[in-house]
Every structure is written in C-alpha cells, then in structure tokens.
Amino acid sequence: MLNKIFSIAAVLLVLTVVSCKDEVLPKPSGFLRLDYPEAKYVNFENNCPFAFQINEAAVIKGEKDCGFAITYPKMKATIYLTYKPVNNNIENLLRDAQKLTYEHVIKADDILEQPYLNPQKKVYGMFYQVNGNAATNSQFYVTDSTRHFITGSVYFYAKPNFDSVMPAASYIKNDMQRLMETLKWK
C-alpha cells in the first residue's frame, strides 16, 4: 500500500514538473491605436466677410450670422465658430472670449496661451490649449481689431477624459491652428 502511494506521488510529481515548462506571464496592457488620415486642406469661402482653409474630412454646416459648426463625424467632435462684427466693443469681445476659456480652469490641468499675429493679413488673436478633463481642449479668437471678431472652440460628444480624446484633440487642434493661420478678411 505504501508503495502505491509513493508511486502515485512520484507520477504526480513528474507530471507537474514536465507540464509546467513555460513560465506564465501576464499579458501586457493594450493601448487603443487611433489612426487618422493625413489632413488635406481646401479653401472655404462663402458670402461671409472672411475665408479660411478647412480639412476636407470635416463637414461644415452654416448657421446664422456667419457662425459655423465644423463637424468631425468619425471623431465625434465639432468646432463651433462664432462671428461678431466689431462696433466699438472690441474690449467686451476680448473679455468674453478670454472669460469663456478660463471658465474651464476648474477642470483644466493647464491652459497654454499662444498669441497669433499676422500684420500683413491684419489677423491678430490667441490660441488656447486646455489640458486636462475640460469640456473643450482648444479655443481661439481672431480679430482685425476694427471690424471683425471670430471665436472658435472644439467640443467632443463624450464625457471629458483627456487620455481618451487626446489623439483626436491633437488632430483637431492642428486643424484649428490651420484655420487661424489661413484666415483672411474680405
């Protein structure tokens, strides 16, 4: 009887040693890979007092008073452009644009300001990159200081989670900067 127990134990020991050759390793964390097409820009012009370049992957929808919604259906995001004429109210328009950006300071980790000056085209403004879980990741305003004022901001149709929307936010941020840099007044 004792021999049977030793035999069974020996067989189990041999099977255990032989069957556990490979070390068990946990799987590495996976990362979502989001690839977006290379941006190709086209000129956008209508009867509004300004024109600019837009990513051909975006869909632009006109609203009243030369305001636009530039949508990115695959990214579930929209850039909202608002146009306002300047009527001796440039200080109020600037204050409102800056106030809109800094309302996100509660959720933002950081707000980076990038001034934009193009004296040849008479386009002056500020681009804001809002880092963190804020409702908007990028905003800007541009003006000629005497007649025209435009604000723009991007919103995603998802709960703000900077890590999740970062690739799309970066892609759209580049489009917003291109819009600013190519804007011209008529």
C-alpha atoms as a PDB file:
ATOM      1  CA  MET A   1       0.000   0.000   0.000  1.00  0.00           C
ATOM      2  CA  LEU A   2       2.794   2.395   0.861  1.00  0.00           C
ATOM      3  CA  ASN A   3       4.449   1.556  -2.485  1.00  0.00           C
ATOM      4  CA  LYS A   4       1.264   2.535  -4.334  1.00  0.00           C
ATOM      5  CA  ILE A   5       1.128   5.905  -2.546  1.00  0.00           C
ATOM      6  CA  PHE A   6       4.806   6.588  -3.367  1.00  0.00           C
ATOM      7  CA  SER A   7       4.225   5.546  -6.996  1.00  0.00           C
ATOM      8  CA  ILE A   8       1.219   7.822  -7.382  1.00  0.00           C
ATOM      9  CA  ALA A   9       3.098  10.706  -5.706  1.00  0.00           C
ATOM     10  CA  ALA A  10       6.097  10.132  -7.987  1.00  0.00           C
ATOM     11  CA  VAL A  11       3.893  10.135 -11.098  1.00  0.00           C
ATOM     12  CA  LEU A  12       2.137  13.347  -9.976  1.00  0.00           C
ATOM     13  CA  LEU A  13       5.491  14.970  -9.245  1.00  0.00           C
ATOM     14  CA  VAL A  14       6.845  14.016 -12.677  1.00  0.00           C
ATOM     15  CA  LEU A  15       3.671  15.267 -14.410  1.00  0.00           C
ATOM     16  CA  THR A  16       3.811  18.535 -12.501  1.00  0.00           C
ATOM     17  CA  VAL A  17       7.455  19.154 -13.388  1.00  0.00           C
ATOM     18  CA  VAL A  18       7.000  18.136 -17.042  1.00  0.00           C
ATOM     19  CA  SER A  19       3.761  20.050 -17.611  1.00  0.00           C
ATOM     20  CA  CYS A  20       4.998  23.395 -16.219  1.00  0.00           C
ATOM     21  CA  LYS A  21       7.807  24.113 -18.627  1.00  0.00           C
ATOM     22  CA  ASP A  22       6.632  27.594 -19.736  1.00  0.00           C
ATOM     23  CA  GLU A  23       6.532  30.388 -17.221  1.00  0.00           C
ATOM     24  CA  VAL A  24       3.107  32.023 -17.025  1.00  0.00           C
ATOM     25  CA  LEU A  25       3.318  35.754 -17.739  1.00  0.00           C
ATOM     26  CA  PRO A  26       0.522  38.287 -17.507  1.00  0.00           C
ATOM     27  CA  LYS A  27      -0.480  39.963 -20.762  1.00  0.00           C
ATOM     28  CA  PRO A  28       0.836  43.495 -21.231  1.00  0.00           C
ATOM     29  CA  SER A  29      -1.645  46.345 -21.153  1.00  0.00           C
ATOM     30  CA  GLY A  30      -3.143  47.121 -24.519  1.00  0.00           C
ATOM     31  CA  PHE A  31      -3.422  50.593 -25.941  1.00  0.00           C
ATOM     32  CA  LEU A  32      -6.058  51.849 -28.318  1.00  0.00           C
ATOM     33  CA  ARG A  33      -4.485  52.818 -31.606  1.00  0.00           C
ATOM     34  CA  LEU A  34      -6.277  55.603 -33.406  1.00  0.00           C
ATOM     35  CA  ASP A  35      -5.017  56.461 -36.862  1.00  0.00           C
ATOM     36  CA  TYR A  36      -6.444  59.432 -38.676  1.00  0.00           C
ATOM     37  CA  PRO A  37      -5.917  60.263 -42.335  1.00  0.00           C
ATOM     38  CA  GLU A  38      -3.348  62.861 -43.245  1.00  0.00           C
ATOM     39  CA  ALA A  39      -5.064  66.238 -43.255  1.00  0.00           C
ATOM     40  CA  LYS A  40      -5.728  67.737 -46.671  1.00  0.00           C
ATOM     41  CA  TYR A  41      -6.957  71.304 -46.682  1.00  0.00           C
ATOM     42  CA  VAL A  42      -9.275  73.100 -49.068  1.00  0.00           C
ATOM     43  CA  ASN A  43     -10.319  76.733 -49.245  1.00  0.00           C
ATOM     44  CA  PHE A  44     -13.682  77.625 -47.757  1.00  0.00           C
ATOM     45  CA  GLU A  45     -15.359  80.788 -48.886  1.00  0.00           C
ATOM     46  CA  ASN A  46     -18.956  81.999 -48.933  1.00  0.00           C
ATOM     47  CA  ASN A  47     -20.733  85.332 -48.511  1.00  0.00           C
ATOM     48  CA  CYS A  48     -19.299  85.946 -45.025  1.00  0.00           C
ATOM     49  CA  PRO A  49     -16.600  88.627 -44.572  1.00  0.00           C
ATOM     50  CA  PHE A  50     -13.836  86.061 -44.128  1.00  0.00           C
ATOM     51  CA  ALA A  51     -12.378  82.904 -45.732  1.00  0.00           C
ATOM     52  CA  PHE A  52     -10.111  80.132 -44.455  1.00  0.00           C
ATOM     53  CA  GLN A  53      -8.832  76.630 -45.148  1.00  0.00           C
ATOM     54  CA  ILE A  54     -10.596  73.585 -43.755  1.00  0.00           C
ATOM     55  CA  ASN A  55      -9.749  69.891 -43.543  1.00  0.00           C
ATOM     56  CA  GLU A  56     -11.589  68.113 -46.355  1.00  0.00           C
ATOM     57  CA  ALA A  57     -12.542  65.341 -43.886  1.00  0.00           C
ATOM     58  CA  ALA A  58     -14.624  67.838 -41.900  1.00  0.00           C
ATOM     59  CA  VAL A  59     -18.222  68.742 -42.653  1.00  0.00           C
ATOM     60  CA  ILE A  60     -19.156  72.411 -42.383  1.00  0.00           C
ATOM     61  CA  LYS A  61     -22.693  73.462 -41.587  1.00  0.00           C
ATOM     62  CA  GLY A  62     -23.737  77.073 -41.843  1.00  0.00           C
ATOM     63  CA  GLU A  63     -25.630  78.733 -39.095  1.00  0.00           C
ATOM     64  CA  LYS A  64     -26.989  82.220 -38.902  1.00  0.00           C
ATOM     65  CA  ASP A  65     -24.859  85.351 -38.831  1.00  0.00           C
ATOM     66  CA  CYS A  66     -21.753  83.665 -40.310  1.00  0.00           C
ATOM     67  CA  GLY A  67     -21.387  81.200 -37.458  1.00  0.00           C
ATOM     68  CA  PHE A  68     -20.452  77.649 -38.393  1.00  0.00           C
ATOM     69  CA  ALA A  69     -20.350  74.147 -36.959  1.00  0.00           C
ATOM     70  CA  ILE A  70     -17.426  72.194 -38.406  1.00  0.00           C
ATOM     71  CA  THR A  71     -18.064  68.554 -37.555  1.00  0.00           C
ATOM     72  CA  TYR A  72     -15.763  65.544 -37.493  1.00  0.00           C
ATOM     73  CA  PRO A  73     -18.213  62.612 -37.547  1.00  0.00           C
ATOM     74  CA  LYS A  74     -15.575  59.879 -37.088  1.00  0.00           C
ATOM     75  CA  MET A  75     -14.140  61.642 -34.047  1.00  0.00           C
ATOM     76  CA  LYS A  76     -17.496  62.743 -32.638  1.00  0.00           C
ATOM     77  CA  ALA A  77     -16.328  66.334 -32.369  1.00  0.00           C
ATOM     78  CA  THR A  78     -17.389  69.773 -33.556  1.00  0.00           C
ATOM     79  CA  ILE A  79     -15.595  73.090 -33.885  1.00  0.00           C
ATOM     80  CA  TYR A  80     -18.009  75.944 -33.284  1.00  0.00           C
ATOM     81  CA  LEU A  81     -17.125  79.226 -34.996  1.00  0.00           C
ATOM     82  CA  THR A  82     -18.877  82.429 -33.987  1.00  0.00           C
ATOM     83  CA  TYR A  83     -18.558  85.672 -35.913  1.00  0.00           C
ATOM     84  CA  LYS A  84     -19.352  89.086 -34.458  1.00  0.00           C
ATOM     85  CA  PRO A  85     -18.856  92.476 -36.042  1.00  0.00           C
ATOM     86  CA  VAL A  86     -16.796  94.954 -34.038  1.00  0.00           C
ATOM     87  CA  ASN A  87     -18.785  98.096 -33.208  1.00  0.00           C
ATOM     88  CA  ASN A  88     -16.587  99.953 -30.735  1.00  0.00           C
ATOM     89  CA  ASN A  89     -16.906  96.887 -28.468  1.00  0.00           C
ATOM     90  CA  ILE A  90     -13.561  95.151 -29.004  1.00  0.00           C
ATOM     91  CA  GLU A  91     -12.753  95.218 -25.277  1.00  0.00           C
ATOM     92  CA  ASN A  92     -16.025  93.420 -24.434  1.00  0.00           C
ATOM     93  CA  LEU A  93     -15.489  90.833 -27.182  1.00  0.00           C
ATOM     94  CA  LEU A  94     -11.945  90.129 -25.971  1.00  0.00           C
ATOM     95  CA  ARG A  95     -13.068  89.884 -22.350  1.00  0.00           C
ATOM     96  CA  ASP A  96     -15.879  87.457 -23.275  1.00  0.00           C
ATOM     97  CA  ALA A  97     -13.528  85.254 -25.321  1.00  0.00           C
ATOM     98  CA  GLN A  98     -10.980  85.106 -22.520  1.00  0.00           C
ATOM     99  CA  LYS A  99     -13.671  84.508 -19.907  1.00  0.00           C
ATOM    100  CA  LEU A 100     -15.019  81.563 -21.918  1.00  0.00           C
ATOM    101  CA  THR A 101     -11.585  79.958 -21.926  1.00  0.00           C
ATOM    102  CA  TYR A 102     -10.852  80.499 -18.259  1.00  0.00           C
ATOM    103  CA  GLU A 103     -14.207  79.092 -17.158  1.00  0.00           C
ATOM    104  CA  HIS A 104     -12.557  75.713 -17.828  1.00  0.00           C
ATOM    105  CA  VAL A 105      -9.815  76.338 -15.269  1.00  0.00           C
ATOM    106  CA  ILE A 106     -11.736  74.279 -12.672  1.00  0.00           C
ATOM    107  CA  LYS A 107     -11.288  71.037 -14.663  1.00  0.00           C
ATOM    108  CA  ALA A 108      -8.159  72.008 -16.592  1.00  0.00           C
ATOM    109  CA  ASP A 109      -4.689  70.945 -15.534  1.00  0.00           C
ATOM    110  CA  ASP A 110      -3.107  73.728 -17.556  1.00  0.00           C
ATOM    111  CA  ILE A 111      -4.060  76.377 -20.113  1.00  0.00           C
ATOM    112  CA  LEU A 112      -1.382  77.284 -22.653  1.00  0.00           C
ATOM    113  CA  GLU A 113      -1.719  80.596 -24.496  1.00  0.00           C
ATOM    114  CA  GLN A 114      -0.198  81.044 -27.947  1.00  0.00           C
ATOM    115  CA  PRO A 115      -0.511  84.561 -29.382  1.00  0.00           C
ATOM    116  CA  TYR A 116      -1.054  84.824 -33.129  1.00  0.00           C
ATOM    117  CA  LEU A 117      -0.035  87.920 -35.107  1.00  0.00           C
ATOM    118  CA  ASN A 118      -0.219  88.352 -38.868  1.00  0.00           C
ATOM    119  CA  PRO A 119       0.090  92.074 -39.633  1.00  0.00           C
ATOM    120  CA  GLN A 120       0.072  91.518 -43.424  1.00  0.00           C
ATOM    121  CA  LYS A 121      -3.431  89.976 -43.286  1.00  0.00           C
ATOM    122  CA  LYS A 122      -4.470  92.066 -40.252  1.00  0.00           C
ATOM    123  CA  VAL A 123      -5.281  88.933 -38.263  1.00  0.00           C
ATOM    124  CA  TYR A 124      -4.488  89.037 -34.550  1.00  0.00           C
ATOM    125  CA  GLY A 125      -5.555  86.575 -31.916  1.00  0.00           C
ATOM    126  CA  MET A 126      -4.868  83.968 -29.279  1.00  0.00           C
ATOM    127  CA  PHE A 127      -4.923  80.181 -29.378  1.00  0.00           C
ATOM    128  CA  TYR A 128      -5.614  78.339 -26.117  1.00  0.00           C
ATOM    129  CA  GLN A 129      -4.741  74.707 -25.492  1.00  0.00           C
ATOM    130  CA  VAL A 130      -6.649  73.445 -22.457  1.00  0.00           C
ATOM    131  CA  ASN A 131      -5.019  70.361 -20.911  1.00  0.00           C
ATOM    132  CA  GLY A 132      -6.993  68.101 -18.616  1.00  0.00           C
ATOM    133  CA  ASN A 133     -10.576  66.868 -18.399  1.00  0.00           C
ATOM    134  CA  ALA A 134     -12.187  70.122 -19.515  1.00  0.00           C
ATOM    135  CA  ALA A 135     -15.179  70.284 -21.836  1.00  0.00           C
ATOM    136  CA  THR A 136     -13.065  71.830 -24.587  1.00  0.00           C
ATOM    137  CA  ASN A 137      -9.408  71.156 -25.379  1.00  0.00           C
ATOM    138  CA  SER A 138      -8.743  74.019 -27.800  1.00  0.00           C
ATOM    139  CA  GLN A 139     -10.138  77.505 -28.283  1.00  0.00           C
ATOM    140  CA  PHE A 140      -9.130  80.603 -30.163  1.00  0.00           C
ATOM    141  CA  TYR A 141     -10.165  84.080 -31.145  1.00  0.00           C
ATOM    142  CA  VAL A 142      -9.039  86.261 -34.046  1.00  0.00           C
ATOM    143  CA  THR A 143      -9.800  89.843 -34.974  1.00  0.00           C
ATOM    144  CA  ASP A 144      -8.676  92.692 -37.170  1.00  0.00           C
ATOM    145  CA  SER A 145      -9.371  94.991 -34.152  1.00  0.00           C
ATOM    146  CA  THR A 146     -11.691  97.304 -36.056  1.00  0.00           C
ATOM    147  CA  ARG A 147     -14.413  95.367 -37.935  1.00  0.00           C
ATOM    148  CA  HIS A 148     -14.332  91.597 -37.388  1.00  0.00           C
ATOM    149  CA  PHE A 149     -14.122  89.164 -34.454  1.00  0.00           C
ATOM    150  CA  ILE A 150     -14.248  85.328 -34.586  1.00  0.00           C
ATOM    151  CA  THR A 151     -14.120  82.786 -31.768  1.00  0.00           C
ATOM    152  CA  GLY A 152     -13.711  79.054 -32.152  1.00  0.00           C
ATOM    153  CA  SER A 153     -13.829  76.105 -29.766  1.00  0.00           C
ATOM    154  CA  VAL A 154     -13.906  72.337 -30.116  1.00  0.00           C
ATOM    155  CA  TYR A 155     -16.260  70.042 -28.206  1.00  0.00           C
ATOM    156  CA  PHE A 156     -16.365  66.244 -28.158  1.00  0.00           C
ATOM    157  CA  TYR A 157     -19.588  64.275 -27.790  1.00  0.00           C
ATOM    158  CA  ALA A 158     -18.187  62.242 -24.925  1.00  0.00           C
ATOM    159  CA  LYS A 159     -17.508  62.630 -21.224  1.00  0.00           C
ATOM    160  CA  PRO A 160     -14.330  64.705 -20.903  1.00  0.00           C
ATOM    161  CA  ASN A 161     -11.442  62.297 -20.425  1.00  0.00           C
ATOM    162  CA  PHE A 162      -8.259  63.824 -21.759  1.00  0.00           C
ATOM    163  CA  ASP A 163      -6.446  60.492 -22.139  1.00  0.00           C
ATOM    164  CA  SER A 164      -9.210  59.084 -24.334  1.00  0.00           C
ATOM    165  CA  VAL A 165      -9.708  62.086 -26.621  1.00  0.00           C
ATOM    166  CA  MET A 166      -6.059  63.173 -26.796  1.00  0.00           C
ATOM    167  CA  PRO A 167      -5.295  61.745 -30.285  1.00  0.00           C
ATOM    168  CA  ALA A 168      -8.444  63.293 -31.781  1.00  0.00           C
ATOM    169  CA  ALA A 169      -7.936  66.531 -29.826  1.00  0.00           C
ATOM    170  CA  SER A 170      -4.405  66.832 -31.176  1.00  0.00           C
ATOM    171  CA  TYR A 171      -5.578  66.225 -34.750  1.00  0.00           C
ATOM    172  CA  ILE A 172      -8.354  68.833 -34.496  1.00  0.00           C
ATOM    173  CA  LYS A 173      -6.050  71.294 -32.709  1.00  0.00           C
ATOM    174  CA  ASN A 174      -3.838  71.265 -35.802  1.00  0.00           C
ATOM    175  CA  ASP A 175      -6.894  71.953 -37.975  1.00  0.00           C
ATOM    176  CA  MET A 176      -7.913  74.867 -35.754  1.00  0.00           C
ATOM    177  CA  GLN A 177      -4.440  76.357 -35.945  1.00  0.00           C
ATOM    178  CA  ARG A 178      -4.501  75.976 -39.734  1.00  0.00           C
ATOM    179  CA  LEU A 179      -7.873  77.729 -39.828  1.00  0.00           C
ATOM    180  CA  MET A 180      -6.432  80.630 -37.810  1.00  0.00           C
ATOM    181  CA  GLU A 181      -3.272  80.868 -39.890  1.00  0.00           C
ATOM    182  CA  THR A 182      -5.112  80.849 -43.227  1.00  0.00           C
ATOM    183  CA  LEU A 183      -7.955  83.168 -42.209  1.00  0.00           C
ATOM    184  CA  LYS A 184      -8.266  86.269 -44.338  1.00  0.00           C
ATOM    185  CA  TRP A 185     -10.743  89.123 -44.217  1.00  0.00           C
ATOM    186  CA  LYS A 186     -12.635  90.166 -47.318  1.00  0.00           C
END
